[in-house]
Structures are given as structure tokens and as C-alpha cells.
N, C-alpha and C. Protein backbone atom coordinates (compact mmCIF):
# COMPACT_ATOMS: atom_id res chain seq x y z
N UNK A 1 18.22 202.59 24.87
CA UNK A 1 17.69 201.55 24.78
C UNK A 1 17.92 200.67 25.74
N UNK A 2 17.19 200.14 26.71
CA UNK A 2 18.12 198.71 27.35
C UNK A 2 17.64 197.56 26.42
N UNK A 3 18.55 196.67 26.59
CA UNK A 3 18.14 195.07 26.20
C UNK A 3 17.77 194.38 27.18
N UNK A 4 17.16 193.30 26.69
CA UNK A 4 16.49 192.65 27.63
C UNK A 4 17.56 191.81 27.87
N UNK A 5 17.24 190.94 29.36
CA UNK A 5 17.80 190.19 29.92
C UNK A 5 17.39 188.64 29.49
N UNK A 6 18.20 188.07 28.54
CA UNK A 6 18.34 187.24 28.24
C UNK A 6 19.44 186.33 28.44
N UNK A 7 19.20 184.74 29.16
CA UNK A 7 20.20 184.03 29.40
C UNK A 7 20.94 183.52 28.44
N UNK A 8 22.20 183.17 28.59
CA UNK A 8 23.21 182.85 27.50
C UNK A 8 22.37 180.86 27.35
N UNK A 9 22.25 180.39 28.15
CA UNK A 9 21.40 179.18 28.10
C UNK A 9 20.11 179.06 26.92
N UNK A 10 19.34 180.23 26.99
CA UNK A 10 18.28 180.17 26.16
C UNK A 10 18.36 180.81 24.50
N UNK A 11 19.90 181.62 24.34
CA UNK A 11 20.59 182.10 23.12
C UNK A 11 21.11 180.56 22.20
N UNK A 12 21.82 179.80 23.35
CA UNK A 12 21.89 178.54 22.92
C UNK A 12 21.09 177.71 22.42
N UNK A 13 20.10 177.26 23.39
CA UNK A 13 19.28 176.50 22.74
C UNK A 13 18.49 176.78 21.69
N UNK A 14 18.15 178.50 21.20
CA UNK A 14 17.54 178.74 20.41
C UNK A 14 18.35 178.50 18.96
N UNK A 15 19.63 178.63 18.94
CA UNK A 15 20.36 178.59 17.62
C UNK A 15 20.96 176.85 17.54
N UNK A 16 20.93 176.23 18.75
CA UNK A 16 21.14 174.81 18.62
C UNK A 16 19.91 174.47 17.69
N UNK A 17 18.78 174.65 18.47
CA UNK A 17 17.46 174.28 17.62
C UNK A 17 17.20 174.19 16.06
N UNK A 18 17.55 175.69 16.22
CA UNK A 18 17.49 176.56 14.48
C UNK A 18 18.69 175.63 13.63
N UNK A 19 19.58 175.62 14.10
CA UNK A 19 20.85 174.97 13.20
C UNK A 19 20.78 173.23 13.33
N UNK A 20 20.02 172.63 14.08
CA UNK A 20 19.59 171.07 13.89
C UNK A 20 19.04 171.19 12.80
N UNK A 21 17.98 171.91 12.54
CA UNK A 21 16.62 172.06 11.88
C UNK A 21 17.16 172.42 10.39
N UNK A 22 18.24 173.38 10.46
CA UNK A 22 18.92 173.99 9.09
C UNK A 22 19.80 172.68 8.28
N UNK A 23 20.13 171.67 9.49
CA UNK A 23 21.40 170.42 8.86
C UNK A 23 20.34 169.40 8.45
N UNK A 24 18.90 169.71 8.33
CA UNK A 24 18.18 168.81 7.47
C UNK A 24 18.63 168.82 6.08
N UNK A 25 18.63 170.26 5.62
CA UNK A 25 19.35 170.10 4.38
C UNK A 25 20.60 170.65 4.08
N UNK A 26 21.08 171.19 4.96
CA UNK A 26 22.60 171.87 4.75
C UNK A 26 23.56 170.87 5.58
N UNK A 27 24.36 170.46 5.41
CA UNK A 27 25.27 169.79 6.17
C UNK A 27 26.82 170.45 5.35
N UNK A 28 27.56 169.69 6.10
CA UNK A 28 29.34 169.79 6.13
C UNK A 28 29.80 170.82 6.61
N UNK A 29 29.62 171.95 6.14
CA UNK A 29 30.74 173.16 6.69
C UNK A 29 29.45 173.97 7.28
N UNK A 30 28.56 173.84 6.95
CA UNK A 30 27.42 174.68 7.67
C UNK A 30 27.19 173.91 8.98
N UNK A 31 26.84 172.67 9.02
CA UNK A 31 27.01 171.95 10.44
C UNK A 31 28.08 172.14 11.09
N UNK A 32 29.35 171.87 10.67
CA UNK A 32 30.39 172.02 11.37
C UNK A 32 30.75 173.28 11.96
N UNK A 33 30.89 174.44 11.13
CA UNK A 33 30.70 175.83 11.71
C UNK A 33 29.90 176.50 13.09
N UNK A 34 28.89 175.98 12.55
CA UNK A 34 27.68 176.58 13.76
C UNK A 34 27.61 175.96 15.06
N UNK A 35 27.99 174.19 14.81
CA UNK A 35 28.01 173.59 15.89
C UNK A 35 29.30 173.98 16.99
N UNK A 36 30.36 173.99 16.25
CA UNK A 36 31.67 174.55 16.69
C UNK A 36 31.43 176.02 17.43
N UNK A 37 30.84 176.57 16.93
CA UNK A 37 30.54 178.25 17.83
C UNK A 37 29.56 177.67 19.01
N UNK A 38 28.58 176.90 18.87
CA UNK A 38 27.68 176.49 19.67
C UNK A 38 28.43 175.61 20.96
N UNK A 39 29.75 175.31 20.53
CA UNK A 39 30.20 174.55 21.87
C UNK A 39 31.41 175.66 22.54
N UNK A 40 31.52 176.63 21.44
CA UNK A 40 32.30 177.93 22.19
C UNK A 40 31.16 178.47 23.39
N UNK A 41 29.95 178.72 22.96
CA UNK A 41 28.68 179.03 23.90
C UNK A 41 28.62 178.22 24.80
N UNK A 42 28.83 176.70 24.96
CA UNK A 42 28.62 175.62 26.25
C UNK A 42 29.94 176.31 27.01
N UNK A 43 31.13 176.42 26.62
CA UNK A 43 32.06 176.74 27.15
C UNK A 43 31.93 178.08 27.75
N UNK A 44 31.48 179.04 27.31
CA UNK A 44 30.92 180.54 27.89
C UNK A 44 30.11 180.24 29.29
N UNK A 45 29.01 179.27 28.99
CA UNK A 45 28.03 179.37 29.90
C UNK A 45 28.43 178.46 31.01
N UNK A 46 29.70 177.48 31.11
CA UNK A 46 30.18 176.36 32.12
C UNK A 46 31.08 177.28 32.92
N UNK A 47 31.92 178.29 31.97
CA UNK A 47 33.06 179.51 32.97
C UNK A 47 32.29 180.80 32.96
N UNK A 48 31.58 181.08 34.03
CA UNK A 48 30.45 182.03 33.79
C UNK A 48 31.56 183.56 34.12
N UNK A 49 32.77 183.41 34.57
CA UNK A 49 33.63 184.47 34.66
C UNK A 49 34.69 184.90 33.92
N UNK A 50 34.83 183.64 32.90
CA UNK A 50 35.78 183.94 31.51
C UNK A 50 35.59 184.85 30.37
N UNK A 51 36.28 185.70 30.49
CA UNK A 51 36.04 186.72 29.29
C UNK A 51 36.47 186.33 27.83
N UNK A 52 37.70 185.35 28.12
CA UNK A 52 38.13 184.64 26.92
C UNK A 52 37.09 183.81 26.22
N UNK A 53 36.01 183.05 27.02
CA UNK A 53 35.04 182.21 26.50
C UNK A 53 33.93 182.83 25.81
N UNK A 54 33.35 183.87 26.91
CA UNK A 54 32.15 184.42 25.79
C UNK A 54 32.84 185.66 24.80
N UNK A 55 34.13 186.09 24.83
CA UNK A 55 34.89 186.52 23.56
C UNK A 55 34.78 186.09 22.51
N UNK A 56 35.38 184.59 22.91
CA UNK A 56 35.38 183.70 21.50
C UNK A 56 34.12 183.21 20.88
N UNK A 57 32.89 183.16 21.67
CA UNK A 57 31.60 182.78 21.42
C UNK A 57 31.18 184.27 20.53
N UNK A 58 31.33 185.13 20.99
CA UNK A 58 30.86 186.62 20.21
C UNK A 58 31.22 186.69 19.08
N UNK A 59 33.00 186.50 18.88
CA UNK A 59 33.49 186.54 17.55
C UNK A 59 33.09 185.26 16.83
N UNK A 60 32.82 184.34 17.19
CA UNK A 60 32.30 183.40 16.38
C UNK A 60 30.86 183.13 15.75
N UNK A 61 30.57 184.17 16.69
CA UNK A 61 28.60 184.36 16.02
C UNK A 61 29.00 185.27 15.33
N UNK A 62 29.92 185.91 15.10
CA UNK A 62 29.88 187.24 14.02
C UNK A 62 30.60 186.62 12.88
N UNK A 63 31.87 185.80 12.91
CA UNK A 63 31.96 184.71 12.03
C UNK A 63 31.18 184.04 11.28
N UNK A 64 30.21 183.29 11.89
CA UNK A 64 29.27 182.59 11.54
C UNK A 64 28.01 183.40 10.77
N UNK A 65 28.01 184.36 10.76
CA UNK A 65 26.69 185.30 10.36
C UNK A 65 27.49 185.51 8.43
N UNK A 66 28.45 185.64 8.40
CA UNK A 66 28.97 185.60 6.96
C UNK A 66 29.32 184.49 6.35
N UNK A 67 29.52 183.61 7.34
CA UNK A 67 29.85 182.11 6.67
C UNK A 67 28.49 181.67 5.98
N UNK A 68 27.55 181.81 7.13
CA UNK A 68 26.00 181.14 6.84
C UNK A 68 25.78 181.94 5.58
N UNK A 69 25.72 183.01 5.29
CA UNK A 69 25.20 184.22 4.07
C UNK A 69 25.97 183.50 2.89
N UNK A 70 26.95 182.94 3.05
CA UNK A 70 28.07 182.49 1.87
C UNK A 70 27.49 181.35 1.58
N UNK A 71 27.32 180.32 2.74
CA UNK A 71 27.04 178.85 2.31
C UNK A 71 25.49 178.66 1.98
N UNK A 72 24.48 179.41 2.37
CA UNK A 72 23.48 179.46 1.92
C UNK A 72 23.03 180.23 0.37
N UNK A 73 23.31 181.05 0.17
CA UNK A 73 23.29 181.57 -0.72
C UNK A 73 23.96 180.66 -1.98
N UNK A 74 25.09 179.85 -1.98
CA UNK A 74 25.59 178.89 -2.89
C UNK A 74 24.58 177.49 -3.02
N UNK A 75 24.29 177.16 -1.84
CA UNK A 75 23.62 175.76 -1.73
C UNK A 75 21.55 175.79 -1.82
N UNK A 76 21.38 177.09 -1.69
CA UNK A 76 20.16 177.19 -1.21
C UNK A 76 19.03 176.63 -2.66
N UNK A 77 19.51 176.92 -3.81
CA UNK A 77 18.92 176.47 -5.17
C UNK A 77 18.91 175.63 -5.14
N UNK A 78 19.87 174.46 -4.74
CA UNK A 78 19.62 172.92 -5.50
C UNK A 78 19.23 172.19 -3.98
N UNK A 79 18.63 172.63 -2.72
CA UNK A 79 18.15 171.97 -1.78
C UNK A 79 16.75 172.41 -1.26
N UNK A 80 16.36 173.77 -1.80
CA UNK A 80 15.05 173.78 -1.63
C UNK A 80 13.99 173.54 -2.49
N UNK A 81 13.75 172.26 -2.83
CA UNK A 81 12.91 171.89 -3.71
C UNK A 81 11.81 171.20 -3.37
N UNK A 82 11.78 170.45 -2.20
CA UNK A 82 10.66 169.57 -1.61
C UNK A 82 10.27 170.54 0.22
N UNK A 83 9.14 169.89 0.18
CA UNK A 83 8.99 170.56 1.60
C UNK A 83 9.99 170.30 3.14
N UNK A 84 10.37 169.42 3.08
CA UNK A 84 11.58 169.22 3.92
C UNK A 84 12.98 170.37 3.54
N UNK A 85 13.26 170.21 2.27
CA UNK A 85 14.08 171.43 1.87
C UNK A 85 13.86 173.00 2.24
N UNK A 86 12.87 173.23 1.77
CA UNK A 86 12.25 174.50 2.36
C UNK A 86 12.20 174.44 3.36
N UNK A 87 11.60 174.14 4.56
CA UNK A 87 11.84 173.99 5.73
C UNK A 87 12.97 174.30 6.39
N UNK A 88 14.03 173.11 6.31
CA UNK A 88 15.46 173.60 6.50
C UNK A 88 15.86 174.65 6.09
N UNK A 89 15.81 174.95 5.05
CA UNK A 89 16.63 176.57 4.36
C UNK A 89 15.82 177.60 5.41
N UNK A 90 14.24 177.51 5.48
CA UNK A 90 14.10 178.65 6.18
C UNK A 90 14.23 178.52 7.80
N UNK A 91 14.67 177.34 8.64
CA UNK A 91 15.34 177.85 9.81
C UNK A 91 16.80 178.29 9.84
N UNK A 92 17.49 177.39 8.57
CA UNK A 92 18.56 178.43 8.69
C UNK A 92 19.02 179.89 8.29
N UNK A 93 17.66 180.45 7.72
CA UNK A 93 17.74 181.68 7.29
C UNK A 93 17.27 182.20 8.51
N UNK A 94 16.49 181.67 9.40
CA UNK A 94 15.76 182.24 10.74
C UNK A 94 16.72 182.37 11.70
N UNK A 95 17.71 181.36 11.49
CA UNK A 95 18.87 181.45 12.46
C UNK A 95 19.97 182.71 12.02
N UNK A 96 20.19 182.44 11.04
CA UNK A 96 20.92 183.94 10.51
C UNK A 96 20.42 185.16 10.46
N UNK A 97 19.10 185.39 10.47
CA UNK A 97 18.21 186.64 10.77
C UNK A 97 18.88 186.91 12.43
N UNK A 98 18.26 185.99 13.46
CA UNK A 98 18.36 186.04 14.91
C UNK A 98 20.01 186.36 15.11
N UNK A 99 20.81 185.91 14.27
CA UNK A 99 22.33 186.28 14.95
C UNK A 99 23.19 187.46 15.23
N UNK A 100 22.63 188.44 14.32
CA UNK A 100 22.81 189.69 15.08
C UNK A 100 22.57 190.11 16.14
N UNK A 101 20.94 189.85 16.58
CA UNK A 101 20.54 190.10 18.08
C UNK A 101 21.00 189.59 18.89
N UNK A 102 21.28 187.97 18.42
CA UNK A 102 22.13 187.23 19.53
C UNK A 102 23.48 187.82 20.04
N UNK A 103 24.46 188.66 18.96
CA UNK A 103 25.38 189.22 18.96
C UNK A 103 25.40 190.52 20.04
N UNK A 104 24.46 191.39 19.94
CA UNK A 104 24.11 192.40 20.86
C UNK A 104 23.94 191.80 22.10
N UNK A 105 23.15 190.72 22.44
CA UNK A 105 23.03 190.20 23.45
C UNK A 105 24.19 189.53 23.92
N UNK A 106 25.03 189.13 23.43
CA UNK A 106 26.36 188.18 23.97
C UNK A 106 27.24 189.42 23.98
N UNK A 107 27.31 190.63 23.40
CA UNK A 107 28.15 191.48 23.75
C UNK A 107 27.82 192.17 25.07
N UNK A 108 26.74 192.39 25.16
CA UNK A 108 26.16 192.80 26.35
C UNK A 108 26.76 192.24 27.66
N UNK A 109 26.43 190.43 27.71
CA UNK A 109 27.36 189.98 28.91
C UNK A 109 28.68 190.14 28.51
N UNK A 110 29.45 190.11 27.56
CA UNK A 110 30.71 190.21 27.61
C UNK A 110 31.02 191.28 28.01
N UNK A 111 30.30 192.85 28.01
CA UNK A 111 30.68 193.91 28.88
C UNK A 111 30.61 193.78 30.27
N UNK A 112 29.54 193.05 30.57
CA UNK A 112 28.98 192.73 32.06
C UNK A 112 30.56 192.04 32.74
N UNK A 113 30.72 190.96 31.92
CA UNK A 113 32.15 190.36 32.31
C UNK A 113 33.18 191.03 32.62
N UNK A 114 33.42 192.08 32.17
CA UNK A 114 34.54 193.02 32.08
C UNK A 114 35.45 193.06 30.76
N UNK A 115 34.73 192.57 29.96
CA UNK A 115 35.41 192.83 28.42
C UNK A 115 35.43 194.11 27.83
N UNK A 116 36.06 194.25 26.91
CA UNK A 116 36.06 195.84 26.22
C UNK A 116 36.15 195.47 24.64
N UNK A 117 36.10 196.40 23.96
CA UNK A 117 36.12 196.39 22.44
C UNK A 117 37.29 195.88 21.70
N UNK A 118 37.77 195.22 21.33
CA UNK A 118 38.76 194.98 20.96
C UNK A 118 39.28 195.42 19.77
N UNK A 119 39.60 196.68 19.83
CA UNK A 119 39.97 197.79 18.74
C UNK A 119 41.26 198.61 19.34
N UNK A 120 42.22 197.92 19.78
CA UNK A 120 44.02 198.36 20.33
C UNK A 120 44.44 197.23 19.52
N UNK A 121 45.81 197.91 19.38
CA UNK A 121 46.88 197.63 18.98
C UNK A 121 47.14 195.95 19.60
N UNK A 122 47.07 195.94 20.53
CA UNK A 122 47.60 194.59 21.61
C UNK A 122 46.31 193.46 21.47
N UNK A 123 45.52 193.90 20.55
CA UNK A 123 44.14 192.66 20.60
C UNK A 123 44.73 191.37 20.68
N UNK A 124 45.81 190.80 19.79
CA UNK A 124 46.22 189.50 20.23
C UNK A 124 47.48 189.35 20.83
N UNK A 125 47.38 190.63 22.02
CA UNK A 125 48.35 189.85 22.76
C UNK A 125 47.77 189.35 24.12
N UNK A 126 48.21 189.65 25.45
CA UNK A 126 48.07 188.69 26.46
C UNK A 126 46.45 188.65 26.90
N UNK A 127 45.98 187.41 27.50
CA UNK A 127 44.53 187.17 27.88
C UNK A 127 44.08 188.43 28.49
N UNK A 128 42.98 188.60 28.41
CA UNK A 128 41.91 189.71 29.61
C UNK A 128 41.74 188.84 30.66
N UNK A 129 41.86 188.08 31.00
CA UNK A 129 41.45 186.89 31.81
C UNK A 129 41.69 187.83 33.30
N UNK A 130 40.80 188.05 34.32
CA UNK A 130 41.07 188.38 35.71
C UNK A 130 40.56 187.17 36.37
N UNK A 131 42.04 187.20 37.39
CA UNK A 131 41.82 185.65 38.21
C UNK A 131 42.74 186.27 39.62
N UNK A 132 42.93 185.71 40.31
CA UNK A 132 43.08 185.91 41.94
C UNK A 132 44.15 185.76 41.76
N UNK A 133 45.23 185.36 40.40
CA UNK A 133 46.84 185.25 40.57
C UNK A 133 47.30 186.52 40.88
N UNK A 134 48.57 186.63 41.76
CA UNK A 134 49.25 187.86 41.60
C UNK A 134 50.70 187.46 41.81
N UNK A 135 51.48 188.23 41.25
CA UNK A 135 52.72 188.06 41.18
C UNK A 135 53.63 188.36 42.33
N UNK A 136 54.60 187.73 43.06
CA UNK A 136 55.43 188.11 43.96
C UNK A 136 56.58 188.88 43.91
N UNK A 137 56.80 189.27 42.57
CA UNK A 137 57.46 190.75 42.27
C UNK A 137 57.42 191.76 42.59
N UNK A 138 57.66 192.73 43.35
CA UNK A 138 57.36 193.81 43.45
C UNK A 138 57.99 195.19 42.41
N UNK A 139 57.28 195.87 41.77
CA UNK A 139 57.94 197.00 40.88
C UNK A 139 58.90 197.25 41.40
N UNK A 140 59.40 197.83 42.20
CA UNK A 140 60.61 198.16 43.04
C UNK A 140 61.96 197.57 42.73
N UNK A 141 61.63 196.27 42.91
CA UNK A 141 62.84 195.11 42.75
C UNK A 141 63.16 194.59 41.54
N UNK A 142 61.67 194.56 40.74
CA UNK A 142 62.09 194.31 39.27
C UNK A 142 63.11 194.98 38.67
N UNK A 143 63.54 195.84 38.65
CA UNK A 143 64.41 197.04 38.01
C UNK A 143 65.85 196.51 38.32
N UNK A 144 66.17 195.75 39.73
CA UNK A 144 67.60 195.60 40.41
C UNK A 144 68.07 194.36 39.35
N UNK A 145 69.41 194.64 39.59
CA UNK A 145 70.13 193.78 38.70
C UNK A 145 70.56 192.82 39.82
N UNK A 146 70.37 191.51 39.87
CA UNK A 146 70.40 190.40 41.03
C UNK A 146 71.86 189.79 40.84
N UNK A 147 72.57 190.13 39.82
CA UNK A 147 74.20 190.20 39.66
C UNK A 147 74.82 191.10 40.01
N UNK A 148 74.56 192.11 40.53
CA UNK A 148 74.88 193.48 40.73
C UNK A 148 76.32 193.29 42.09
N UNK A 149 77.07 193.81 42.30
CA UNK A 149 77.98 193.63 43.19
C UNK A 149 77.85 194.68 44.38
N UNK A 150 77.98 194.48 45.34
CA UNK A 150 77.60 195.08 47.04
C UNK A 150 77.47 196.94 46.50
N UNK A 151 78.92 196.72 45.99
CA UNK A 151 79.26 198.26 45.71
C UNK A 151 78.10 199.16 44.77
N UNK A 152 77.05 198.51 43.67
CA UNK A 152 76.52 198.95 42.99
C UNK A 152 75.19 199.31 44.05
N UNK A 153 74.86 198.28 44.93
CA UNK A 153 73.72 198.21 45.72
C UNK A 153 73.66 199.23 47.03
N UNK A 154 74.99 199.87 47.08
CA UNK A 154 74.85 200.96 48.33
C UNK A 154 75.96 200.81 49.14
N UNK A 155 76.27 199.62 49.15
CA UNK A 155 77.01 198.97 50.47
C UNK A 155 78.32 198.77 49.78
N UNK A 156 79.29 199.22 51.09
CA UNK A 156 80.97 198.93 50.73
C UNK A 156 80.79 197.50 50.41
N UNK A 157 81.75 196.85 49.66
CA UNK A 157 82.40 195.84 49.65
C UNK A 157 83.49 195.49 50.90
N UNK A 158 83.97 194.47 51.20
CA UNK A 158 84.79 194.49 52.16
C UNK A 158 86.33 194.77 51.15
N UNK A 159 87.29 195.34 51.73
CA UNK A 159 88.52 195.35 50.85
C UNK A 159 89.51 194.35 51.53
N UNK A 160 90.29 193.80 49.80
CA UNK A 160 91.36 193.00 50.32
C UNK A 160 92.57 193.59 49.90
N UNK A 161 93.31 193.28 51.11
CA UNK A 161 94.73 194.03 51.44
C UNK A 161 95.70 192.69 50.86
């Protein structure tokens, strides 16, 4: 099944709008968590070649799924009393329901940028950033000892008499 081609900006706009409406009744950690992740999404839009930016946005979306479930389930009964409360809670729940689909789309974008699944031992190791940077060291010279004497390098040292 082919995923539809959706622009990252559209995903951000939809979640920003739903989060803003959800903040009518849910504030505090709900707002901080979701707007922080949306800021990571803006970073992913600004740096189109960055694997780290889209990867952090994807990880943040997954984390906010769990955080939103906890926050909405704790606070829902006290805020969903009036029309505004029900509307804000409904928008927060709609945002929560759309996040797994958004995660699938963002994961597809992550793969297009050259990212891979972080299911390996060096997950927290060096960045996967692909850039034009190349080292000037060659692999054959890297093993050579720069302080070795001339005899060790295959050249005869001058003899002292």
C-alpha cells in the first residue's frame, strides 16, 4: 500500500491548529510538549536534508502520543464540562488520533532522506548526517605511527661512528 504524498508543512499546520484548539482547555505540560515537538517539525522543514531533524520530529511525535494519552485521561473529567471544554478536548483527542498516521508519513519522509530504523546497538552513537565533509586522512596512513624511527618505516637510518 502506497502512502499518499503529503507535505511536511501540511502535517505541521494540521497538528498546530488542533494543538492550539486543544490548548483552550489543556494547558501546561500538554502545550509545552506538543509545541516543542512542532518546533522540531519546523526545524525539519527548514533543513530538508537533515536526517537528525526529521528523526527527532518523528521520535517526538511518538513520545507525544503516549504523553497525550496520559494527560488527557488525567485532566479530561475536570475540563469537559461546557461547550468550550468539550470542543477543546475533542480537538486534542482528534490530534491524538491523527498522530499515528502522521508518524507513518513522517517515517516515510525519514526513509526518503536516508534514515533507517534505530534498532541497532550504536543508536545513541554518532549522527547519521550525510554531508559533503570528507576527512583528509587516508586509511593506509592512519595506522602508521608518526613517531616511529626511520628504521621502522623501511628506510635505513644514518649510522653514527
